[in-house]
Amino acid sequence: MQKETTKRKKEMYSILRNWRKSSLSLKEYGQKHGINYGIMKYWNRQFRVDFPESKKPISKKKAIFIPVEVSDSIKDKVVSKTVSIEIHYPNGVFLQCPSDICKKELKTLITLF
């Protein structure tokens, strides 16, 4: 049984090393390779215990801000609907908040992840 566990551990650690080289989330990588997300999370925790120095880079994608221009015709009109701000973090977390949020709170939310 010990041999089987060691073999499985080597297989999973190999899979996790490949995942760390990819730009996919743990869940996406597991789905792509037919591995249950719970199993991927379990082995990732085990991997981090055995190799604490290894960390997956957050994303290979460069974070960008997209400029928004408001036309003159809209500037003069009062918008009755509250517009929301959406933030998509590289780790897959999605945040939606109202546009009238305090700047300090928004900064805190942006730097959380």
PDB file of N, CA and C in Angstrom:
ATOM      1  N   MET A   1       0.824  -1.193   0.000  1.00  0.00           N
ATOM      2  CA  MET A   1       0.000   0.000   0.000  1.00  0.00           C
ATOM      3  C   MET A   1       0.867   1.255   0.000  1.00  0.00           C
ATOM      4  N   GLN A   2       1.989   1.218   0.715  1.00  0.00           N
ATOM      5  CA  GLN A   2       2.891   2.369   0.767  1.00  0.00           C
ATOM      6  C   GLN A   2       3.418   2.699  -0.628  1.00  0.00           C
ATOM      7  N   LYS A   3       3.739   1.653  -1.416  1.00  0.00           N
ATOM      8  CA  LYS A   3       4.233   1.867  -2.775  1.00  0.00           C
ATOM      9  C   LYS A   3       3.183   2.566  -3.627  1.00  0.00           C
ATOM     10  N   GLU A   4       1.922   2.115  -3.476  1.00  0.00           N
ATOM     11  CA  GLU A   4       0.824   2.692  -4.250  1.00  0.00           C
ATOM     12  C   GLU A   4       0.620   4.161  -3.892  1.00  0.00           C
ATOM     13  N   THR A   5       0.678   4.484  -2.614  1.00  0.00           N
ATOM     14  CA  THR A   5       0.531   5.862  -2.162  1.00  0.00           C
ATOM     15  C   THR A   5       1.669   6.722  -2.679  1.00  0.00           C
ATOM     16  N   THR A   6       2.887   6.214  -2.628  1.00  0.00           N
ATOM     17  CA  THR A   6       4.049   6.951  -3.114  1.00  0.00           C
ATOM     18  C   THR A   6       3.944   7.177  -4.620  1.00  0.00           C
ATOM     19  N   LYS A   7       3.485   6.165  -5.334  1.00  0.00           N
ATOM     20  CA  LYS A   7       3.324   6.294  -6.781  1.00  0.00           C
ATOM     21  C   LYS A   7       2.277   7.358  -7.110  1.00  0.00           C
ATOM     22  N   ARG A   8       1.163   7.324  -6.393  1.00  0.00           N
ATOM     23  CA  ARG A   8       0.083   8.299  -6.604  1.00  0.00           C
ATOM     24  C   ARG A   8       0.575   9.708  -6.281  1.00  0.00           C
ATOM     25  N   LYS A   9       1.350   9.814  -5.210  1.00  0.00           N
ATOM     26  CA  LYS A   9       1.884  11.113  -4.809  1.00  0.00           C
ATOM     27  C   LYS A   9       2.797  11.677  -5.894  1.00  0.00           C
ATOM     28  N   LYS A  10       3.649  10.850  -6.447  1.00  0.00           N
ATOM     29  CA  LYS A  10       4.552  11.292  -7.520  1.00  0.00           C
ATOM     30  C   LYS A  10       3.754  11.737  -8.741  1.00  0.00           C
ATOM     31  N   GLU A  11       2.710  10.975  -9.074  1.00  0.00           N
ATOM     32  CA  GLU A  11       1.871  11.327 -10.219  1.00  0.00           C
ATOM     33  C   GLU A  11       1.196  12.679 -10.002  1.00  0.00           C
ATOM     34  N   MET A  12       0.613  12.863  -8.827  1.00  0.00           N
ATOM     35  CA  MET A  12      -0.101  14.108  -8.541  1.00  0.00           C
ATOM     36  C   MET A  12       0.858  15.293  -8.473  1.00  0.00           C
ATOM     37  N   TYR A  13       2.024  15.092  -7.900  1.00  0.00           N
ATOM     38  CA  TYR A  13       2.988  16.184  -7.818  1.00  0.00           C
ATOM     39  C   TYR A  13       3.476  16.580  -9.214  1.00  0.00           C
ATOM     40  N   SER A  14       3.583  15.605 -10.093  1.00  0.00           N
ATOM     41  CA  SER A  14       3.953  15.893 -11.475  1.00  0.00           C
ATOM     42  C   SER A  14       2.850  16.722 -12.146  1.00  0.00           C
ATOM     43  N   ILE A  15       1.615  16.328 -11.910  1.00  0.00           N
ATOM     44  CA  ILE A  15       0.470  17.070 -12.450  1.00  0.00           C
ATOM     45  C   ILE A  15       0.460  18.495 -11.901  1.00  0.00           C
ATOM     46  N   LEU A  16       0.702  18.643 -10.599  1.00  0.00           N
ATOM     47  CA  LEU A  16       0.701  19.974  -9.985  1.00  0.00           C
ATOM     48  C   LEU A  16       1.841  20.838 -10.500  1.00  0.00           C
ATOM     49  N   ARG A  17       2.991  20.247 -10.761  1.00  0.00           N
ATOM     50  CA  ARG A  17       4.108  21.024 -11.335  1.00  0.00           C
ATOM     51  C   ARG A  17       3.730  21.553 -12.717  1.00  0.00           C
ATOM     52  N   ASN A  18       3.074  20.704 -13.493  1.00  0.00           N
ATOM     53  CA  ASN A  18       2.614  21.132 -14.817  1.00  0.00           C
ATOM     54  C   ASN A  18       1.549  22.220 -14.701  1.00  0.00           C
ATOM     55  N   TRP A  19       0.654  22.077 -13.719  1.00  0.00           N
ATOM     56  CA  TRP A  19      -0.368  23.104 -13.496  1.00  0.00           C
ATOM     57  C   TRP A  19       0.286  24.437 -13.158  1.00  0.00           C
ATOM     58  N   ARG A  20       1.307  24.409 -12.323  1.00  0.00           N
ATOM     59  CA  ARG A  20       1.978  25.643 -11.914  1.00  0.00           C
ATOM     60  C   ARG A  20       2.629  26.356 -13.106  1.00  0.00           C
ATOM     61  N   LYS A  21       2.989  25.606 -14.132  1.00  0.00           N
ATOM     62  CA  LYS A  21       3.579  26.202 -15.333  1.00  0.00           C
ATOM     63  C   LYS A  21       2.500  26.781 -16.256  1.00  0.00           C
ATOM     64  N   SER A  22       1.263  26.351 -16.055  1.00  0.00           N
ATOM     65  CA  SER A  22       0.177  26.814 -16.922  1.00  0.00           C
ATOM     66  C   SER A  22      -0.389  28.133 -16.404  1.00  0.00           C
ATOM     67  N   SER A  23      -1.246  28.721 -17.189  1.00  0.00           N
ATOM     68  CA  SER A  23      -1.908  29.957 -16.764  1.00  0.00           C
ATOM     69  C   SER A  23      -3.335  29.676 -16.303  1.00  0.00           C
ATOM     70  N   LEU A  24      -3.680  28.411 -16.154  1.00  0.00           N
ATOM     71  CA  LEU A  24      -5.028  28.018 -15.750  1.00  0.00           C
ATOM     72  C   LEU A  24      -5.177  28.011 -14.237  1.00  0.00           C
ATOM     73  N   SER A  25      -6.411  28.166 -13.784  1.00  0.00           N
ATOM     74  CA  SER A  25      -6.685  28.012 -12.359  1.00  0.00           C
ATOM     75  C   SER A  25      -6.624  26.520 -12.029  1.00  0.00           C
ATOM     76  N   LEU A  26      -6.546  26.212 -10.756  1.00  0.00           N
ATOM     77  CA  LEU A  26      -6.486  24.810 -10.319  1.00  0.00           C
ATOM     78  C   LEU A  26      -7.729  24.055 -10.798  1.00  0.00           C
ATOM     79  N   LYS A  27      -8.875  24.685 -10.679  1.00  0.00           N
ATOM     80  CA  LYS A  27     -10.135  24.069 -11.090  1.00  0.00           C
ATOM     81  C   LYS A  27     -10.159  23.823 -12.595  1.00  0.00           C
ATOM     82  N   GLU A  28      -9.755  24.829 -13.377  1.00  0.00           N
ATOM     83  CA  GLU A  28      -9.738  24.697 -14.832  1.00  0.00           C
ATOM     84  C   GLU A  28      -8.785  23.588 -15.277  1.00  0.00           C
ATOM     85  N   TYR A  29      -7.607  23.558 -14.657  1.00  0.00           N
ATOM     86  CA  TYR A  29      -6.613  22.552 -15.028  1.00  0.00           C
ATOM     87  C   TYR A  29      -7.129  21.149 -14.712  1.00  0.00           C
ATOM     88  N   GLY A  30      -7.751  20.990 -13.548  1.00  0.00           N
ATOM     89  CA  GLY A  30      -8.318  19.700 -13.171  1.00  0.00           C
ATOM     90  C   GLY A  30      -9.405  19.253 -14.138  1.00  0.00           C
ATOM     91  N   GLN A  31     -10.303  20.184 -14.490  1.00  0.00           N
ATOM     92  CA  GLN A  31     -11.373  19.855 -15.428  1.00  0.00           C
ATOM     93  C   GLN A  31     -10.807  19.439 -16.780  1.00  0.00           C
ATOM     94  N   LYS A  32      -9.797  20.166 -17.226  1.00  0.00           N
ATOM     95  CA  LYS A  32      -9.182  19.880 -18.527  1.00  0.00           C
ATOM     96  C   LYS A  32      -8.566  18.478 -18.556  1.00  0.00           C
ATOM     97  N   HIS A  33      -8.063  18.013 -17.400  1.00  0.00           N
ATOM     98  CA  HIS A  33      -7.393  16.719 -17.335  1.00  0.00           C
ATOM     99  C   HIS A  33      -8.244  15.636 -16.672  1.00  0.00           C
ATOM    100  N   GLY A  34      -9.522  15.942 -16.430  1.00  0.00           N
ATOM    101  CA  GLY A  34     -10.444  14.952 -15.889  1.00  0.00           C
ATOM    102  C   GLY A  34     -10.190  14.591 -14.433  1.00  0.00           C
ATOM    103  N   ILE A  35      -9.703  15.561 -13.650  1.00  0.00           N
ATOM    104  CA  ILE A  35      -9.430  15.311 -12.227  1.00  0.00           C
ATOM    105  C   ILE A  35     -10.377  16.169 -11.401  1.00  0.00           C
ATOM    106  N   ASN A  36     -11.023  15.552 -10.438  1.00  0.00           N
ATOM    107  CA  ASN A  36     -11.958  16.238  -9.560  1.00  0.00           C
ATOM    108  C   ASN A  36     -11.280  17.415  -8.849  1.00  0.00           C
ATOM    109  N   TYR A  37     -11.991  18.533  -8.745  1.00  0.00           N
ATOM    110  CA  TYR A  37     -11.437  19.735  -8.118  1.00  0.00           C
ATOM    111  C   TYR A  37     -11.044  19.493  -6.655  1.00  0.00           C
ATOM    112  N   GLY A  38     -11.839  18.729  -5.923  1.00  0.00           N
ATOM    113  CA  GLY A  38     -11.521  18.418  -4.524  1.00  0.00           C
ATOM    114  C   GLY A  38     -10.203  17.664  -4.394  1.00  0.00           C
ATOM    115  N   ILE A  39      -9.974  16.753  -5.315  1.00  0.00           N
ATOM    116  CA  ILE A  39      -8.718  15.988  -5.313  1.00  0.00           C
ATOM    117  C   ILE A  39      -7.549  16.916  -5.628  1.00  0.00           C
ATOM    118  N   MET A  40      -7.749  17.810  -6.601  1.00  0.00           N
ATOM    119  CA  MET A  40      -6.692  18.768  -6.948  1.00  0.00           C
ATOM    120  C   MET A  40      -6.348  19.650  -5.746  1.00  0.00           C
ATOM    121  N   LYS A  41      -7.383  20.121  -5.030  1.00  0.00           N
ATOM    122  CA  LYS A  41      -7.136  20.970  -3.851  1.00  0.00           C
ATOM    123  C   LYS A  41      -6.380  20.201  -2.774  1.00  0.00           C
ATOM    124  N   TYR A  42      -6.799  18.955  -2.540  1.00  0.00           N
ATOM    125  CA  TYR A  42      -6.141  18.136  -1.520  1.00  0.00           C
ATOM    126  C   TYR A  42      -4.662  17.969  -1.843  1.00  0.00           C
ATOM    127  N   TRP A  43      -4.349  17.552  -3.068  1.00  0.00           N
ATOM    128  CA  TRP A  43      -2.957  17.313  -3.434  1.00  0.00           C
ATOM    129  C   TRP A  43      -2.153  18.617  -3.485  1.00  0.00           C
ATOM    130  N   ASN A  44      -2.807  19.716  -3.832  1.00  0.00           N
ATOM    131  CA  ASN A  44      -2.104  21.002  -3.825  1.00  0.00           C
ATOM    132  C   ASN A  44      -1.705  21.387  -2.402  1.00  0.00           C
ATOM    133  N   ARG A  45      -2.603  21.130  -1.435  1.00  0.00           N
ATOM    134  CA  ARG A  45      -2.255  21.397  -0.024  1.00  0.00           C
ATOM    135  C   ARG A  45      -1.075  20.520   0.409  1.00  0.00           C
ATOM    136  N   GLN A  46      -1.107  19.241   0.019  1.00  0.00           N
ATOM    137  CA  GLN A  46      -0.017  18.331   0.369  1.00  0.00           C
ATOM    138  C   GLN A  46       1.294  18.792  -0.270  1.00  0.00           C
ATOM    139  N   PHE A  47       1.203  19.238  -1.510  1.00  0.00           N
ATOM    140  CA  PHE A  47       2.381  19.707  -2.240  1.00  0.00           C
ATOM    141  C   PHE A  47       2.989  20.924  -1.542  1.00  0.00           C
ATOM    142  N   ARG A  48       2.138  21.853  -1.116  1.00  0.00           N
ATOM    143  CA  ARG A  48       2.631  23.063  -0.438  1.00  0.00           C
ATOM    144  C   ARG A  48       3.291  22.731   0.892  1.00  0.00           C
ATOM    145  N   VAL A  49       2.815  21.678   1.566  1.00  0.00           N
ATOM    146  CA  VAL A  49       3.440  21.251   2.819  1.00  0.00           C
ATOM    147  C   VAL A  49       4.818  20.662   2.543  1.00  0.00           C
ATOM    148  N   ASP A  50       4.906  19.840   1.508  1.00  0.00           N
ATOM    149  CA  ASP A  50       6.178  19.200   1.169  1.00  0.00           C
ATOM    150  C   ASP A  50       7.168  20.147   0.500  1.00  0.00           C
ATOM    151  N   PHE A  51       6.656  21.123  -0.236  1.00  0.00           N
ATOM    152  CA  PHE A  51       7.511  22.083  -0.955  1.00  0.00           C
ATOM    153  C   PHE A  51       7.035  23.511  -0.686  1.00  0.00           C
ATOM    154  N   PRO A  52       7.247  24.019   0.528  1.00  0.00           N
ATOM    155  CA  PRO A  52       6.736  25.355   0.875  1.00  0.00           C
ATOM    156  C   PRO A  52       7.375  26.481   0.064  1.00  0.00           C
ATOM    157  N   GLU A  53       8.546  26.246  -0.484  1.00  0.00           N
ATOM    158  CA  GLU A  53       9.232  27.299  -1.241  1.00  0.00           C
ATOM    159  C   GLU A  53       8.638  27.503  -2.631  1.00  0.00           C
ATOM    160  N   SER A  54       7.869  26.534  -3.097  1.00  0.00           N
ATOM    161  CA  SER A  54       7.307  26.656  -4.448  1.00  0.00           C
ATOM    162  C   SER A  54       5.947  27.346  -4.377  1.00  0.00           C
ATOM    163  N   LYS A  55       5.802  28.380  -5.158  1.00  0.00           N
ATOM    164  CA  LYS A  55       4.533  29.097  -5.237  1.00  0.00           C
ATOM    165  C   LYS A  55       4.183  29.277  -6.693  1.00  0.00           C
ATOM    166  N   LYS A  56       2.917  29.118  -6.998  1.00  0.00           N
ATOM    167  CA  LYS A  56       2.466  29.329  -8.379  1.00  0.00           C
ATOM    168  C   LYS A  56       2.396  30.822  -8.631  1.00  0.00           C
ATOM    169  N   PRO A  57       2.985  31.268  -9.742  1.00  0.00           N
ATOM    170  CA  PRO A  57       2.821  32.670 -10.083  1.00  0.00           C
ATOM    171  C   PRO A  57       1.336  32.970 -10.264  1.00  0.00           C
ATOM    172  N   ILE A  58       0.918  34.126  -9.824  1.00  0.00           N
ATOM    173  CA  ILE A  58      -0.504  34.466  -9.873  1.00  0.00           C
ATOM    174  C   ILE A  58      -1.044  34.359 -11.291  1.00  0.00           C
ATOM    175  N   SER A  59      -0.363  34.956 -12.235  1.00  0.00           N
ATOM    176  CA  SER A  59      -0.814  34.870 -13.612  1.00  0.00           C
ATOM    177  C   SER A  59       0.283  35.351 -14.535  1.00  0.00           C
ATOM    178  N   LYS A  60       0.320  34.777 -15.714  1.00  0.00           N
ATOM    179  CA  LYS A  60       1.269  35.236 -16.710  1.00  0.00           C
ATOM    180  C   LYS A  60       0.702  36.437 -17.457  1.00  0.00           C
ATOM    181  N   LYS A  61      -0.594  36.650 -17.292  1.00  0.00           N
ATOM    182  CA  LYS A  61      -1.236  37.774 -17.945  1.00  0.00           C
ATOM    183  C   LYS A  61      -0.864  39.056 -17.218  1.00  0.00           C
ATOM    184  N   LYS A  62      -0.640  40.086 -17.972  1.00  0.00           N
ATOM    185  CA  LYS A  62      -0.309  41.369 -17.394  1.00  0.00           C
ATOM    186  C   LYS A  62      -1.604  42.081 -17.018  1.00  0.00           C
ATOM    187  N   ALA A  63      -1.679  42.595 -15.807  1.00  0.00           N
ATOM    188  CA  ALA A  63      -2.857  43.334 -15.377  1.00  0.00           C
ATOM    189  C   ALA A  63      -2.923  44.646 -16.141  1.00  0.00           C
ATOM    190  N   ILE A  64      -4.089  44.944 -16.650  1.00  0.00           N
ATOM    191  CA  ILE A  64      -4.241  46.187 -17.403  1.00  0.00           C
ATOM    192  C   ILE A  64      -5.491  46.921 -16.940  1.00  0.00           C
ATOM    193  N   PHE A  65      -5.457  48.219 -17.091  1.00  0.00           N
ATOM    194  CA  PHE A  65      -6.625  49.047 -16.862  1.00  0.00           C
ATOM    195  C   PHE A  65      -7.084  49.545 -18.213  1.00  0.00           C
ATOM    196  N   ILE A  66      -8.360  49.485 -18.444  1.00  0.00           N
ATOM    197  CA  ILE A  66      -8.910  49.918 -19.717  1.00  0.00           C
ATOM    198  C   ILE A  66      -9.483  51.319 -19.534  1.00  0.00           C
ATOM    199  N   PRO A  67      -9.000  52.288 -20.310  1.00  0.00           N
ATOM    200  CA  PRO A  67      -9.531  53.647 -20.162  1.00  0.00           C
ATOM    201  C   PRO A  67     -10.991  53.716 -20.623  1.00  0.00           C
ATOM    202  N   VAL A  68     -11.753  54.521 -19.939  1.00  0.00           N
ATOM    203  CA  VAL A  68     -13.159  54.704 -20.278  1.00  0.00           C
ATOM    204  C   VAL A  68     -13.371  56.167 -20.612  1.00  0.00           C
ATOM    205  N   GLU A  69     -13.969  56.394 -21.756  1.00  0.00           N
ATOM    206  CA  GLU A  69     -14.266  57.766 -22.162  1.00  0.00           C
ATOM    207  C   GLU A  69     -15.774  57.961 -22.123  1.00  0.00           C
ATOM    208  N   VAL A  70     -16.194  59.093 -21.598  1.00  0.00           N
ATOM    209  CA  VAL A  70     -17.617  59.419 -21.525  1.00  0.00           C
ATOM    210  C   VAL A  70     -17.881  60.529 -22.528  1.00  0.00           C
ATOM    211  N   SER A  71     -18.818  60.287 -23.425  1.00  0.00           N
ATOM    212  CA  SER A  71     -19.104  61.288 -24.444  1.00  0.00           C
ATOM    213  C   SER A  71     -19.796  62.498 -23.825  1.00  0.00           C
ATOM    214  N   ASP A  72     -19.686  63.654 -24.477  1.00  0.00           N
ATOM    215  CA  ASP A  72     -20.272  64.893 -23.972  1.00  0.00           C
ATOM    216  C   ASP A  72     -21.781  64.799 -23.813  1.00  0.00           C
ATOM    217  N   SER A  73     -22.439  64.051 -24.689  1.00  0.00           N
ATOM    218  CA  SER A  73     -23.902  63.947 -24.609  1.00  0.00           C
ATOM    219  C   SER A  73     -24.342  63.211 -23.343  1.00  0.00           C
ATOM    220  N   ILE A  74     -23.535  62.302 -22.868  1.00  0.00           N
ATOM    221  CA  ILE A  74     -23.877  61.557 -21.654  1.00  0.00           C
ATOM    222  C   ILE A  74     -23.494  62.343 -20.403  1.00  0.00           C
ATOM    223  N   LYS A  75     -22.441  63.122 -20.471  1.00  0.00           N
ATOM    224  CA  LYS A  75     -21.984  63.892 -19.310  1.00  0.00           C
ATOM    225  C   LYS A  75     -23.066  64.822 -18.780  1.00  0.00           C
ATOM    226  N   ASP A  76     -23.874  65.371 -19.674  1.00  0.00           N
ATOM    227  CA  ASP A  76     -24.895  66.336 -19.268  1.00  0.00           C
ATOM    228  C   ASP A  76     -26.156  65.667 -18.733  1.00  0.00           C
ATOM    229  N   LYS A  77     -26.344  64.403 -19.022  1.00  0.00           N
ATOM    230  CA  LYS A  77     -27.549  63.695 -18.580  1.00  0.00           C
ATOM    231  C   LYS A  77     -27.324  63.089 -17.195  1.00  0.00           C
ATOM    232  N   VAL A  78     -28.384  63.001 -16.445  1.00  0.00           N
ATOM    233  CA  VAL A  78     -28.320  62.362 -15.134  1.00  0.00           C
ATOM    234  C   VAL A  78     -28.680  60.892 -15.326  1.00  0.00           C
ATOM    235  N   VAL A  79     -27.827  60.040 -14.884  1.00  0.00           N
ATOM    236  CA  VAL A  79     -28.077  58.609 -14.999  1.00  0.00           C
ATOM    237  C   VAL A  79     -28.776  58.149 -13.731  1.00  0.00           C
ATOM    238  N   SER A  80     -29.969  57.600 -13.902  1.00  0.00           N
ATOM    239  CA  SER A  80     -30.761  57.200 -12.741  1.00  0.00           C
ATOM    240  C   SER A  80     -30.352  55.835 -12.204  1.00  0.00           C
ATOM    241  N   LYS A  81     -29.761  54.995 -13.046  1.00  0.00           N
ATOM    242  CA  LYS A  81     -29.333  53.666 -12.610  1.00  0.00           C
ATOM    243  C   LYS A  81     -27.962  53.726 -11.972  1.00  0.00           C
ATOM    244  N   THR A  82     -27.763  52.926 -10.958  1.00  0.00           N
ATOM    245  CA  THR A  82     -26.444  52.809 -10.359  1.00  0.00           C
ATOM    246  C   THR A  82     -25.617  51.859 -11.218  1.00  0.00           C
ATOM    247  N   VAL A  83     -24.452  52.311 -11.595  1.00  0.00           N
ATOM    248  CA  VAL A  83     -23.559  51.505 -12.413  1.00  0.00           C
ATOM    249  C   VAL A  83     -22.641  50.739 -11.472  1.00  0.00           C
ATOM    250  N   SER A  84     -22.328  49.526 -11.825  1.00  0.00           N
ATOM    251  CA  SER A  84     -21.448  48.750 -10.948  1.00  0.00           C
ATOM    252  C   SER A  84     -20.063  48.607 -11.570  1.00  0.00           C
ATOM    253  N   ILE A  85     -19.095  48.437 -10.700  1.00  0.00           N
ATOM    254  CA  ILE A  85     -17.705  48.223 -11.094  1.00  0.00           C
ATOM    255  C   ILE A  85     -17.417  46.739 -10.940  1.00  0.00           C
ATOM    256  N   GLU A  86     -16.788  46.154 -11.939  1.00  0.00           N
ATOM    257  CA  GLU A  86     -16.431  44.744 -11.870  1.00  0.00           C
ATOM    258  C   GLU A  86     -14.917  44.609 -11.851  1.00  0.00           C
ATOM    259  N   ILE A  87     -14.435  43.789 -10.943  1.00  0.00           N
ATOM    260  CA  ILE A  87     -13.001  43.517 -10.840  1.00  0.00           C
ATOM    261  C   ILE A  87     -12.818  42.010 -10.994  1.00  0.00           C
ATOM    262  N   HIS A  88     -11.977  41.617 -11.927  1.00  0.00           N
ATOM    263  CA  HIS A  88     -11.669  40.205 -12.152  1.00  0.00           C
ATOM    264  C   HIS A  88     -10.214  39.979 -11.745  1.00  0.00           C
ATOM    265  N   TYR A  89     -10.007  39.187 -10.703  1.00  0.00           N
ATOM    266  CA  TYR A  89      -8.666  38.896 -10.227  1.00  0.00           C
ATOM    267  C   TYR A  89      -8.077  37.723 -11.008  1.00  0.00           C
ATOM    268  N   PRO A  90      -6.747  37.668 -11.131  1.00  0.00           N
ATOM    269  CA  PRO A  90      -6.093  36.580 -11.881  1.00  0.00           C
ATOM    270  C   PRO A  90      -6.398  35.184 -11.341  1.00  0.00           C
ATOM    271  N   ASN A  91      -6.735  35.085 -10.052  1.00  0.00           N
ATOM    272  CA  ASN A  91      -6.993  33.762  -9.477  1.00  0.00           C
ATOM    273  C   ASN A  91      -8.432  33.300  -9.691  1.00  0.00           C
ATOM    274  N   GLY A  92      -9.202  34.075 -10.487  1.00  0.00           N
ATOM    275  CA  GLY A  92     -10.562  33.657 -10.801  1.00  0.00           C
ATOM    276  C   GLY A  92     -11.637  34.314  -9.958  1.00  0.00           C
ATOM    277  N   VAL A  93     -11.255  35.046  -8.928  1.00  0.00           N
ATOM    278  CA  VAL A  93     -12.230  35.726  -8.076  1.00  0.00           C
ATOM    279  C   VAL A  93     -12.811  36.899  -8.850  1.00  0.00           C
ATOM    280  N   PHE A  94     -14.113  37.083  -8.727  1.00  0.00           N
ATOM    281  CA  PHE A  94     -14.828  38.140  -9.415  1.00  0.00           C
ATOM    282  C   PHE A  94     -15.520  38.999  -8.365  1.00  0.00           C
ATOM    283  N   LEU A  95     -15.336  40.304  -8.457  1.00  0.00           N
ATOM    284  CA  LEU A  95     -15.914  41.226  -7.480  1.00  0.00           C
ATOM    285  C   LEU A  95     -16.757  42.250  -8.215  1.00  0.00           C
ATOM    286  N   GLN A  96     -17.960  42.485  -7.710  1.00  0.00           N
ATOM    287  CA  GLN A  96     -18.830  43.490  -8.287  1.00  0.00           C
ATOM    288  C   GLN A  96     -19.281  44.411  -7.168  1.00  0.00           C
ATOM    289  N   CYS A  97     -19.090  45.724  -7.353  1.00  0.00           N
ATOM    290  CA  CYS A  97     -19.478  46.683  -6.332  1.00  0.00           C
ATOM    291  C   CYS A  97     -20.064  47.925  -6.998  1.00  0.00           C
ATOM    292  N   PRO A  98     -20.849  48.707  -6.262  1.00  0.00           N
ATOM    293  CA  PRO A  98     -21.463  49.898  -6.848  1.00  0.00           C
ATOM    294  C   PRO A  98     -20.421  50.956  -7.190  1.00  0.00           C
ATOM    295  N   SER A  99     -20.723  51.754  -8.201  1.00  0.00           N
ATOM    296  CA  SER A  99     -19.765  52.771  -8.649  1.00  0.00           C
ATOM    297  C   SER A  99     -19.602  53.904  -7.641  1.00  0.00           C
ATOM    298  N   ASP A 100     -20.542  54.039  -6.724  1.00  0.00           N
ATOM    299  CA  ASP A 100     -20.427  55.112  -5.734  1.00  0.00           C
ATOM    300  C   ASP A 100     -19.666  54.663  -4.477  1.00  0.00           C
ATOM    301  N   ILE A 101     -18.915  53.596  -4.599  1.00  0.00           N
ATOM    302  CA  ILE A 101     -18.126  53.098  -3.475  1.00  0.00           C
ATOM    303  C   ILE A 101     -17.017  54.092  -3.130  1.00  0.00           C
ATOM    304  N   CYS A 102     -16.700  54.182  -1.866  1.00  0.00           N
ATOM    305  CA  CYS A 102     -15.642  55.076  -1.389  1.00  0.00           C
ATOM    306  C   CYS A 102     -14.304  54.645  -2.007  1.00  0.00           C
ATOM    307  N   LYS A 103     -13.475  55.610  -2.423  1.00  0.00           N
ATOM    308  CA  LYS A 103     -12.186  55.306  -3.054  1.00  0.00           C
ATOM    309  C   LYS A 103     -11.294  54.461  -2.156  1.00  0.00           C
ATOM    310  N   LYS A 104     -11.329  54.741  -0.866  1.00  0.00           N
ATOM    311  CA  LYS A 104     -10.498  53.991   0.076  1.00  0.00           C
ATOM    312  C   LYS A 104     -10.928  52.521   0.116  1.00  0.00           C
ATOM    313  N   GLU A 105     -12.230  52.288   0.149  1.00  0.00           N
ATOM    314  CA  GLU A 105     -12.736  50.916   0.155  1.00  0.00           C
ATOM    315  C   GLU A 105     -12.388  50.189  -1.149  1.00  0.00           C
ATOM    316  N   LEU A 106     -12.510  50.908  -2.277  1.00  0.00           N
ATOM    317  CA  LEU A 106     -12.193  50.327  -3.564  1.00  0.00           C
ATOM    318  C   LEU A 106     -10.720  49.927  -3.632  1.00  0.00           C
ATOM    319  N   LYS A 107      -9.860  50.809  -3.131  1.00  0.00           N
ATOM    320  CA  LYS A 107      -8.422  50.504  -3.121  1.00  0.00           C
ATOM    321  C   LYS A 107      -8.157  49.247  -2.284  1.00  0.00           C
ATOM    322  N   THR A 108      -8.810  49.142  -1.151  1.00  0.00           N
ATOM    323  CA  THR A 108      -8.649  47.961  -0.279  1.00  0.00           C
ATOM    324  C   THR A 108      -9.090  46.700  -1.026  1.00  0.00           C
ATOM    325  N   LEU A 109     -10.222  46.776  -1.729  1.00  0.00           N
ATOM    326  CA  LEU A 109     -10.720  45.615  -2.462  1.00  0.00           C
ATOM    327  C   LEU A 109      -9.781  45.217  -3.600  1.00  0.00           C
ATOM    328  N   ILE A 110      -9.219  46.200  -4.270  1.00  0.00           N
ATOM    329  CA  ILE A 110      -8.298  45.906  -5.371  1.00  0.00           C
ATOM    330  C   ILE A 110      -7.049  45.222  -4.876  1.00  0.00           C
ATOM    331  N   THR A 111      -6.550  45.627  -3.733  1.00  0.00           N
ATOM    332  CA  THR A 111      -5.292  45.059  -3.225  1.00  0.00           C
ATOM    333  C   THR A 111      -5.469  43.783  -2.421  1.00  0.00           C
ATOM    334  N   LEU A 112      -6.701  43.346  -2.193  1.00  0.00           N
ATOM    335  CA  LEU A 112      -6.940  42.115  -1.432  1.00  0.00           C
ATOM    336  C   LEU A 112      -6.311  40.912  -2.086  1.00  0.00           C
ATOM    337  N   PHE A 113      -6.448  40.796  -3.369  1.00  0.00           N
ATOM    338  CA  PHE A 113      -5.946  39.614  -4.069  1.00  0.00           C
ATOM    339  C   PHE A 113      -4.775  40.032  -4.890  1.00  0.00           C
TER     340      PHE A 113
END
